[in-house]
């Protein structure tokens, strides 16, 4: 398999692991806030979601790529350039994700879905859209 495809798979693996950790934490938070208004539950859950997701993803990304950037002495700004591409790609994907996540969670809470179910369903819908947008953006920015 070509190295660039391995890099995309590694990046997508990190996105999925960060998502799995985030699903667990966000669902717990949404359930803890079940008595709150729908907009409060949705907003606080998204803040926790955003913080958890990017914290886990950043650690995984740097851990997976630490050797690549250490041995790349002929490209001293390689890490900075690649991080800018990843951040810009994830940034566009995250804007789409956050809008979808908030809307769907708010919608499901308003139709009477349990808070943890609303959070989980909204996250799944938004994450599928996020993955599509992010991978398109990674192709456009030519990360690998």
N, C-alpha and C. Protein backbone atom coordinates (compact mmCIF):
# COMPACT_ATOMS: atom_id res chain seq x y z
N UNK A 1 0.85 -1.17 0.00
CA UNK A 1 0.00 0.00 0.00
C UNK A 1 0.90 1.24 0.00
N UNK A 2 0.50 2.26 -0.73
CA UNK A 2 1.28 3.49 -0.80
C UNK A 2 1.35 4.16 0.56
N UNK A 3 2.47 4.82 0.81
CA UNK A 3 2.69 5.48 2.09
C UNK A 3 1.63 6.54 2.37
N UNK A 4 1.20 7.27 1.33
CA UNK A 4 0.22 8.33 1.57
C UNK A 4 -1.10 7.75 2.05
N UNK A 5 -1.48 6.58 1.55
CA UNK A 5 -2.72 5.94 2.01
C UNK A 5 -2.59 5.44 3.44
N UNK A 6 -1.39 4.96 3.80
CA UNK A 6 -1.14 4.55 5.18
C UNK A 6 -1.28 5.75 6.12
N UNK A 7 -0.79 6.90 5.67
CA UNK A 7 -0.90 8.11 6.49
C UNK A 7 -2.36 8.53 6.66
N UNK A 8 -3.15 8.45 5.61
CA UNK A 8 -4.58 8.77 5.71
C UNK A 8 -5.28 7.79 6.65
N UNK A 9 -4.94 6.52 6.55
CA UNK A 9 -5.55 5.54 7.45
C UNK A 9 -5.17 5.80 8.91
N UNK A 10 -3.91 6.15 9.13
CA UNK A 10 -3.45 6.44 10.49
C UNK A 10 -4.19 7.67 11.04
N UNK A 11 -4.35 8.68 10.21
CA UNK A 11 -5.07 9.88 10.63
C UNK A 11 -6.53 9.56 10.92
N UNK A 12 -7.16 8.79 10.05
CA UNK A 12 -8.56 8.42 10.27
C UNK A 12 -8.72 7.53 11.50
N UNK A 13 -7.73 6.69 11.76
CA UNK A 13 -7.75 5.87 12.98
C UNK A 13 -7.76 6.77 14.21
N UNK A 14 -6.92 7.79 14.19
CA UNK A 14 -6.87 8.73 15.31
C UNK A 14 -8.19 9.48 15.46
N UNK A 15 -8.79 9.86 14.35
CA UNK A 15 -10.09 10.53 14.40
C UNK A 15 -11.15 9.62 15.02
N UNK A 16 -11.13 8.36 14.65
CA UNK A 16 -12.12 7.40 15.17
C UNK A 16 -11.90 7.09 16.66
N UNK A 17 -10.66 6.96 17.07
CA UNK A 17 -10.38 6.71 18.49
C UNK A 17 -10.81 7.91 19.33
N UNK A 18 -10.47 9.11 18.86
CA UNK A 18 -10.88 10.32 19.57
C UNK A 18 -12.40 10.40 19.64
N UNK A 19 -13.06 10.01 18.57
CA UNK A 19 -14.53 10.00 18.55
C UNK A 19 -15.08 9.02 19.57
N UNK A 20 -14.50 7.83 19.64
CA UNK A 20 -14.99 6.82 20.59
C UNK A 20 -14.88 7.30 22.03
N UNK A 21 -13.75 7.90 22.38
CA UNK A 21 -13.58 8.43 23.73
C UNK A 21 -14.59 9.56 23.96
N UNK A 22 -14.73 10.39 22.98
CA UNK A 22 -15.63 11.53 23.07
C UNK A 22 -17.10 11.11 23.22
N UNK A 23 -17.50 10.07 22.51
CA UNK A 23 -18.88 9.58 22.61
C UNK A 23 -19.21 9.20 24.05
N UNK A 24 -18.31 8.50 24.68
CA UNK A 24 -18.55 8.06 26.05
C UNK A 24 -18.69 9.25 26.99
N UNK A 25 -17.76 10.17 26.92
CA UNK A 25 -17.78 11.31 27.83
C UNK A 25 -18.97 12.23 27.54
N UNK A 26 -19.23 12.52 26.28
CA UNK A 26 -20.35 13.40 25.93
C UNK A 26 -21.70 12.81 26.31
N UNK A 27 -21.84 11.51 26.15
CA UNK A 27 -23.09 10.86 26.52
C UNK A 27 -23.33 10.95 28.02
N UNK A 28 -22.28 10.76 28.79
CA UNK A 28 -22.39 10.88 30.25
C UNK A 28 -22.78 12.31 30.64
N UNK A 29 -22.12 13.30 30.03
CA UNK A 29 -22.43 14.70 30.33
C UNK A 29 -23.87 15.03 29.95
N UNK A 30 -24.29 14.60 28.76
CA UNK A 30 -25.67 14.87 28.32
C UNK A 30 -26.67 14.25 29.28
N UNK A 31 -26.38 13.06 29.72
CA UNK A 31 -27.28 12.38 30.66
C UNK A 31 -27.31 13.10 32.02
N UNK A 32 -26.16 13.58 32.47
CA UNK A 32 -26.11 14.33 33.73
C UNK A 32 -26.88 15.64 33.65
N UNK A 33 -26.98 16.19 32.44
CA UNK A 33 -27.69 17.46 32.23
C UNK A 33 -29.11 17.25 31.73
N UNK A 34 -29.65 16.07 31.90
CA UNK A 34 -30.97 15.72 31.36
C UNK A 34 -32.08 16.63 31.86
N UNK A 35 -31.94 17.16 33.07
CA UNK A 35 -32.98 18.01 33.64
C UNK A 35 -32.91 19.46 33.16
N UNK A 36 -31.83 19.80 32.48
CA UNK A 36 -31.66 21.16 31.97
C UNK A 36 -32.50 21.37 30.71
N UNK A 37 -32.63 22.63 30.32
CA UNK A 37 -33.31 22.96 29.06
C UNK A 37 -32.52 22.35 27.90
N UNK A 38 -33.20 22.08 26.80
CA UNK A 38 -32.56 21.45 25.64
C UNK A 38 -31.38 22.25 25.11
N UNK A 39 -31.54 23.57 25.04
CA UNK A 39 -30.44 24.38 24.50
C UNK A 39 -29.23 24.40 25.44
N UNK A 40 -29.46 24.34 26.76
CA UNK A 40 -28.36 24.30 27.73
C UNK A 40 -27.64 22.95 27.63
N UNK A 41 -28.42 21.87 27.59
CA UNK A 41 -27.85 20.53 27.47
C UNK A 41 -27.01 20.43 26.19
N UNK A 42 -27.57 20.87 25.08
CA UNK A 42 -26.87 20.79 23.79
C UNK A 42 -25.59 21.62 23.80
N UNK A 43 -25.66 22.82 24.32
CA UNK A 43 -24.51 23.72 24.30
C UNK A 43 -23.38 23.22 25.20
N UNK A 44 -23.69 22.84 26.42
CA UNK A 44 -22.64 22.35 27.33
C UNK A 44 -22.04 21.05 26.82
N UNK A 45 -22.88 20.18 26.29
CA UNK A 45 -22.38 18.92 25.76
C UNK A 45 -21.43 19.15 24.59
N UNK A 46 -21.73 20.13 23.75
CA UNK A 46 -20.85 20.44 22.62
C UNK A 46 -19.51 21.00 23.10
N UNK A 47 -19.53 21.81 24.14
CA UNK A 47 -18.27 22.35 24.68
C UNK A 47 -17.40 21.21 25.20
N UNK A 48 -18.00 20.30 25.95
CA UNK A 48 -17.27 19.13 26.45
C UNK A 48 -16.78 18.27 25.28
N UNK A 49 -17.64 18.07 24.31
CA UNK A 49 -17.34 17.30 23.10
C UNK A 49 -16.10 17.87 22.41
N UNK A 50 -16.12 19.15 22.15
CA UNK A 50 -15.03 19.83 21.44
C UNK A 50 -13.71 19.68 22.20
N UNK A 51 -13.74 19.93 23.50
CA UNK A 51 -12.53 19.86 24.31
C UNK A 51 -11.98 18.43 24.37
N UNK A 52 -12.84 17.48 24.62
CA UNK A 52 -12.41 16.09 24.72
C UNK A 52 -11.86 15.59 23.40
N UNK A 53 -12.60 15.82 22.34
CA UNK A 53 -12.24 15.29 21.02
C UNK A 53 -10.85 15.79 20.59
N UNK A 54 -10.66 17.11 20.66
CA UNK A 54 -9.39 17.64 20.17
C UNK A 54 -8.23 17.33 21.10
N UNK A 55 -8.47 17.21 22.37
CA UNK A 55 -7.40 16.81 23.29
C UNK A 55 -6.90 15.41 22.97
N UNK A 56 -7.83 14.48 22.81
CA UNK A 56 -7.46 13.10 22.50
C UNK A 56 -6.82 13.02 21.12
N UNK A 57 -7.42 13.68 20.13
CA UNK A 57 -6.88 13.62 18.78
C UNK A 57 -5.47 14.19 18.71
N UNK A 58 -5.24 15.33 19.33
CA UNK A 58 -3.92 15.96 19.27
C UNK A 58 -2.85 15.05 19.88
N UNK A 59 -3.14 14.45 21.02
CA UNK A 59 -2.18 13.54 21.65
C UNK A 59 -1.89 12.36 20.71
N UNK A 60 -2.93 11.77 20.13
CA UNK A 60 -2.73 10.63 19.23
C UNK A 60 -1.95 11.04 17.98
N UNK A 61 -2.28 12.18 17.40
CA UNK A 61 -1.61 12.65 16.19
C UNK A 61 -0.12 12.87 16.45
N UNK A 62 0.20 13.56 17.54
CA UNK A 62 1.60 13.82 17.85
C UNK A 62 2.35 12.54 18.20
N UNK A 63 1.68 11.63 18.91
CA UNK A 63 2.32 10.36 19.26
C UNK A 63 2.62 9.54 18.00
N UNK A 64 1.68 9.46 17.08
CA UNK A 64 1.87 8.68 15.86
C UNK A 64 2.93 9.28 14.94
N UNK A 65 3.13 10.57 14.99
CA UNK A 65 4.02 11.24 14.04
C UNK A 65 5.31 11.75 14.64
N UNK A 66 5.60 11.41 15.88
CA UNK A 66 6.79 11.94 16.54
C UNK A 66 8.08 11.54 15.82
N UNK A 67 8.16 10.33 15.34
CA UNK A 67 9.38 9.89 14.65
C UNK A 67 9.51 10.55 13.28
N UNK A 68 8.40 10.73 12.62
CA UNK A 68 8.40 11.35 11.29
C UNK A 68 9.00 12.75 11.34
N UNK A 69 8.65 13.52 12.33
CA UNK A 69 9.13 14.90 12.40
C UNK A 69 10.52 15.01 13.01
N UNK A 70 10.93 14.04 13.81
CA UNK A 70 12.29 14.04 14.36
C UNK A 70 13.31 13.74 13.27
N UNK A 71 13.01 12.80 12.40
CA UNK A 71 13.98 12.41 11.38
C UNK A 71 13.93 13.30 10.14
N UNK A 72 12.95 14.20 10.09
CA UNK A 72 12.79 15.07 8.93
C UNK A 72 13.57 16.38 9.13
N UNK A 73 14.89 16.26 9.35
CA UNK A 73 15.70 17.44 9.63
C UNK A 73 15.87 18.33 8.39
N UNK A 74 15.66 17.76 7.20
CA UNK A 74 15.76 18.58 6.00
C UNK A 74 14.50 19.43 5.80
N UNK A 75 13.47 19.15 6.57
CA UNK A 75 12.23 19.95 6.54
C UNK A 75 11.93 20.42 7.96
N UNK A 76 12.64 21.46 8.44
CA UNK A 76 12.50 21.87 9.84
C UNK A 76 11.10 22.35 10.20
N UNK A 77 10.35 22.85 9.25
CA UNK A 77 9.01 23.35 9.54
C UNK A 77 7.92 22.37 9.11
N UNK A 78 8.29 21.11 8.94
CA UNK A 78 7.33 20.11 8.48
C UNK A 78 6.18 19.94 9.46
N UNK A 79 6.49 19.86 10.75
CA UNK A 79 5.43 19.70 11.75
C UNK A 79 4.49 20.89 11.72
N UNK A 80 5.03 22.08 11.69
CA UNK A 80 4.21 23.29 11.67
C UNK A 80 3.31 23.31 10.43
N UNK A 81 3.87 23.00 9.27
CA UNK A 81 3.09 23.00 8.03
C UNK A 81 2.00 21.94 8.04
N UNK A 82 2.35 20.74 8.49
CA UNK A 82 1.36 19.66 8.54
C UNK A 82 0.27 19.95 9.57
N UNK A 83 0.66 20.52 10.72
CA UNK A 83 -0.34 20.87 11.72
C UNK A 83 -1.30 21.92 11.19
N UNK A 84 -0.79 22.88 10.43
CA UNK A 84 -1.67 23.90 9.84
C UNK A 84 -2.66 23.26 8.87
N UNK A 85 -2.21 22.30 8.07
CA UNK A 85 -3.10 21.61 7.14
C UNK A 85 -4.16 20.80 7.88
N UNK A 86 -3.71 20.10 8.93
CA UNK A 86 -4.65 19.29 9.72
C UNK A 86 -5.65 20.19 10.43
N UNK A 87 -5.16 21.25 11.04
CA UNK A 87 -6.05 22.16 11.78
C UNK A 87 -7.04 22.83 10.85
N UNK A 88 -6.59 23.25 9.67
CA UNK A 88 -7.53 23.89 8.75
C UNK A 88 -8.56 22.89 8.23
N UNK A 89 -8.13 21.68 7.94
CA UNK A 89 -9.07 20.65 7.48
C UNK A 89 -10.05 20.28 8.58
N UNK A 90 -9.52 20.07 9.78
CA UNK A 90 -10.39 19.74 10.91
C UNK A 90 -11.27 20.92 11.29
N UNK A 91 -10.76 22.13 11.11
CA UNK A 91 -11.54 23.31 11.43
C UNK A 91 -12.81 23.42 10.60
N UNK A 92 -12.67 23.22 9.31
CA UNK A 92 -13.85 23.24 8.43
C UNK A 92 -14.79 22.11 8.80
N UNK A 93 -14.23 20.92 8.99
CA UNK A 93 -15.05 19.78 9.39
C UNK A 93 -15.74 20.01 10.72
N UNK A 94 -15.02 20.65 11.65
CA UNK A 94 -15.58 20.88 12.98
C UNK A 94 -16.73 21.88 12.96
N UNK A 95 -16.64 22.90 12.13
CA UNK A 95 -17.74 23.85 12.01
C UNK A 95 -19.00 23.13 11.54
N UNK A 96 -18.84 22.29 10.54
CA UNK A 96 -19.97 21.49 10.03
C UNK A 96 -20.46 20.54 11.12
N UNK A 97 -19.53 19.90 11.81
CA UNK A 97 -19.88 18.96 12.89
C UNK A 97 -20.67 19.65 13.99
N UNK A 98 -20.15 20.77 14.49
CA UNK A 98 -20.79 21.46 15.61
C UNK A 98 -22.20 21.92 15.26
N UNK A 99 -22.37 22.45 14.07
CA UNK A 99 -23.70 22.91 13.66
C UNK A 99 -24.67 21.72 13.59
N UNK A 100 -24.21 20.64 12.98
CA UNK A 100 -25.07 19.45 12.88
C UNK A 100 -25.32 18.83 14.25
N UNK A 101 -24.31 18.72 15.05
CA UNK A 101 -24.45 18.10 16.37
C UNK A 101 -25.43 18.86 17.23
N UNK A 102 -25.27 20.18 17.29
CA UNK A 102 -26.16 20.98 18.12
C UNK A 102 -27.60 20.86 17.62
N UNK A 103 -27.77 21.01 16.31
CA UNK A 103 -29.12 20.94 15.75
C UNK A 103 -29.78 19.61 16.05
N UNK A 104 -29.10 18.50 15.77
CA UNK A 104 -29.70 17.18 15.95
C UNK A 104 -29.95 16.86 17.42
N UNK A 105 -29.02 17.22 18.29
CA UNK A 105 -29.25 16.95 19.71
C UNK A 105 -30.43 17.78 20.21
N UNK A 106 -30.48 19.04 19.86
CA UNK A 106 -31.61 19.90 20.24
C UNK A 106 -32.92 19.33 19.72
N UNK A 107 -32.92 18.89 18.48
CA UNK A 107 -34.11 18.31 17.86
C UNK A 107 -34.57 17.05 18.61
N UNK A 108 -33.65 16.14 18.85
CA UNK A 108 -34.02 14.89 19.52
C UNK A 108 -34.47 15.13 20.97
N UNK A 109 -33.85 16.08 21.65
CA UNK A 109 -34.30 16.40 23.01
C UNK A 109 -35.71 16.99 23.00
N UNK A 110 -36.00 17.81 22.00
CA UNK A 110 -37.33 18.44 21.92
C UNK A 110 -38.43 17.47 21.53
N UNK A 111 -38.09 16.38 20.88
CA UNK A 111 -39.14 15.41 20.54
C UNK A 111 -39.27 14.33 21.60
N UNK A 112 -38.53 14.49 22.71
CA UNK A 112 -38.71 13.60 23.85
C UNK A 112 -37.75 12.44 23.94
N UNK A 113 -36.69 12.44 23.17
CA UNK A 113 -35.69 11.38 23.25
C UNK A 113 -34.90 11.55 24.54
N UNK A 114 -34.53 10.45 25.17
CA UNK A 114 -33.69 10.52 26.37
C UNK A 114 -32.40 11.27 26.04
N UNK A 115 -31.86 11.97 27.02
CA UNK A 115 -30.68 12.82 26.79
C UNK A 115 -29.49 12.05 26.26
N UNK A 116 -29.20 10.89 26.86
CA UNK A 116 -28.03 10.13 26.39
C UNK A 116 -28.24 9.60 24.98
N UNK A 117 -29.48 9.23 24.64
CA UNK A 117 -29.77 8.77 23.28
C UNK A 117 -29.69 9.92 22.28
N UNK A 118 -30.21 11.08 22.66
CA UNK A 118 -30.14 12.25 21.78
C UNK A 118 -28.69 12.61 21.49
N UNK A 119 -27.86 12.57 22.52
CA UNK A 119 -26.45 12.88 22.35
C UNK A 119 -25.77 11.88 21.43
N UNK A 120 -26.03 10.61 21.66
CA UNK A 120 -25.39 9.56 20.87
C UNK A 120 -25.81 9.62 19.40
N UNK A 121 -27.09 9.75 19.16
CA UNK A 121 -27.59 9.79 17.78
C UNK A 121 -27.08 11.04 17.06
N UNK A 122 -27.14 12.18 17.75
CA UNK A 122 -26.65 13.43 17.14
C UNK A 122 -25.16 13.33 16.83
N UNK A 123 -24.41 12.73 17.73
CA UNK A 123 -22.97 12.58 17.50
C UNK A 123 -22.69 11.68 16.30
N UNK A 124 -23.41 10.61 16.19
CA UNK A 124 -23.18 9.69 15.07
C UNK A 124 -23.48 10.36 13.73
N UNK A 125 -24.61 11.05 13.65
CA UNK A 125 -24.97 11.74 12.41
C UNK A 125 -23.91 12.79 12.07
N UNK A 126 -23.59 13.62 13.05
CA UNK A 126 -22.63 14.71 12.82
C UNK A 126 -21.24 14.18 12.50
N UNK A 127 -20.84 13.06 13.12
CA UNK A 127 -19.50 12.53 12.88
C UNK A 127 -19.35 11.97 11.47
N UNK A 128 -20.38 11.33 10.96
CA UNK A 128 -20.31 10.83 9.58
C UNK A 128 -20.11 12.00 8.62
N UNK A 129 -20.86 13.07 8.83
CA UNK A 129 -20.71 14.25 7.98
C UNK A 129 -19.33 14.87 8.17
N UNK A 130 -18.86 14.93 9.42
CA UNK A 130 -17.54 15.46 9.73
C UNK A 130 -16.44 14.68 9.01
N UNK A 131 -16.51 13.36 9.04
CA UNK A 131 -15.49 12.54 8.39
C UNK A 131 -15.45 12.78 6.88
N UNK A 132 -16.60 12.92 6.28
CA UNK A 132 -16.65 13.18 4.84
C UNK A 132 -16.02 14.53 4.53
N UNK A 133 -16.45 15.57 5.24
CA UNK A 133 -15.93 16.92 5.00
C UNK A 133 -14.43 16.99 5.29
N UNK A 134 -13.99 16.40 6.40
CA UNK A 134 -12.59 16.46 6.78
C UNK A 134 -11.70 15.74 5.76
N UNK A 135 -12.12 14.58 5.31
CA UNK A 135 -11.31 13.87 4.32
C UNK A 135 -11.27 14.60 2.98
N UNK A 136 -12.34 15.25 2.61
CA UNK A 136 -12.31 16.07 1.40
C UNK A 136 -11.33 17.23 1.59
N UNK A 137 -11.38 17.86 2.75
CA UNK A 137 -10.48 18.98 3.03
C UNK A 137 -9.02 18.52 3.09
N UNK A 138 -8.76 17.33 3.62
CA UNK A 138 -7.39 16.81 3.65
C UNK A 138 -6.86 16.58 2.24
N UNK A 139 -7.72 16.16 1.34
CA UNK A 139 -7.33 15.99 -0.07
C UNK A 139 -7.03 17.35 -0.69
N UNK A 140 -7.88 18.33 -0.40
CA UNK A 140 -7.69 19.67 -0.97
C UNK A 140 -6.39 20.31 -0.46
N UNK A 141 -6.10 20.16 0.84
CA UNK A 141 -4.88 20.76 1.40
C UNK A 141 -3.64 19.94 1.09
N UNK A 142 -3.83 18.76 0.53
CA UNK A 142 -2.71 17.88 0.14
C UNK A 142 -1.77 17.60 1.32
N UNK A 143 -2.38 17.11 2.40
CA UNK A 143 -1.58 16.79 3.59
C UNK A 143 -0.53 15.73 3.29
N UNK A 144 -0.94 14.68 2.58
CA UNK A 144 0.00 13.58 2.30
C UNK A 144 0.17 13.40 0.81
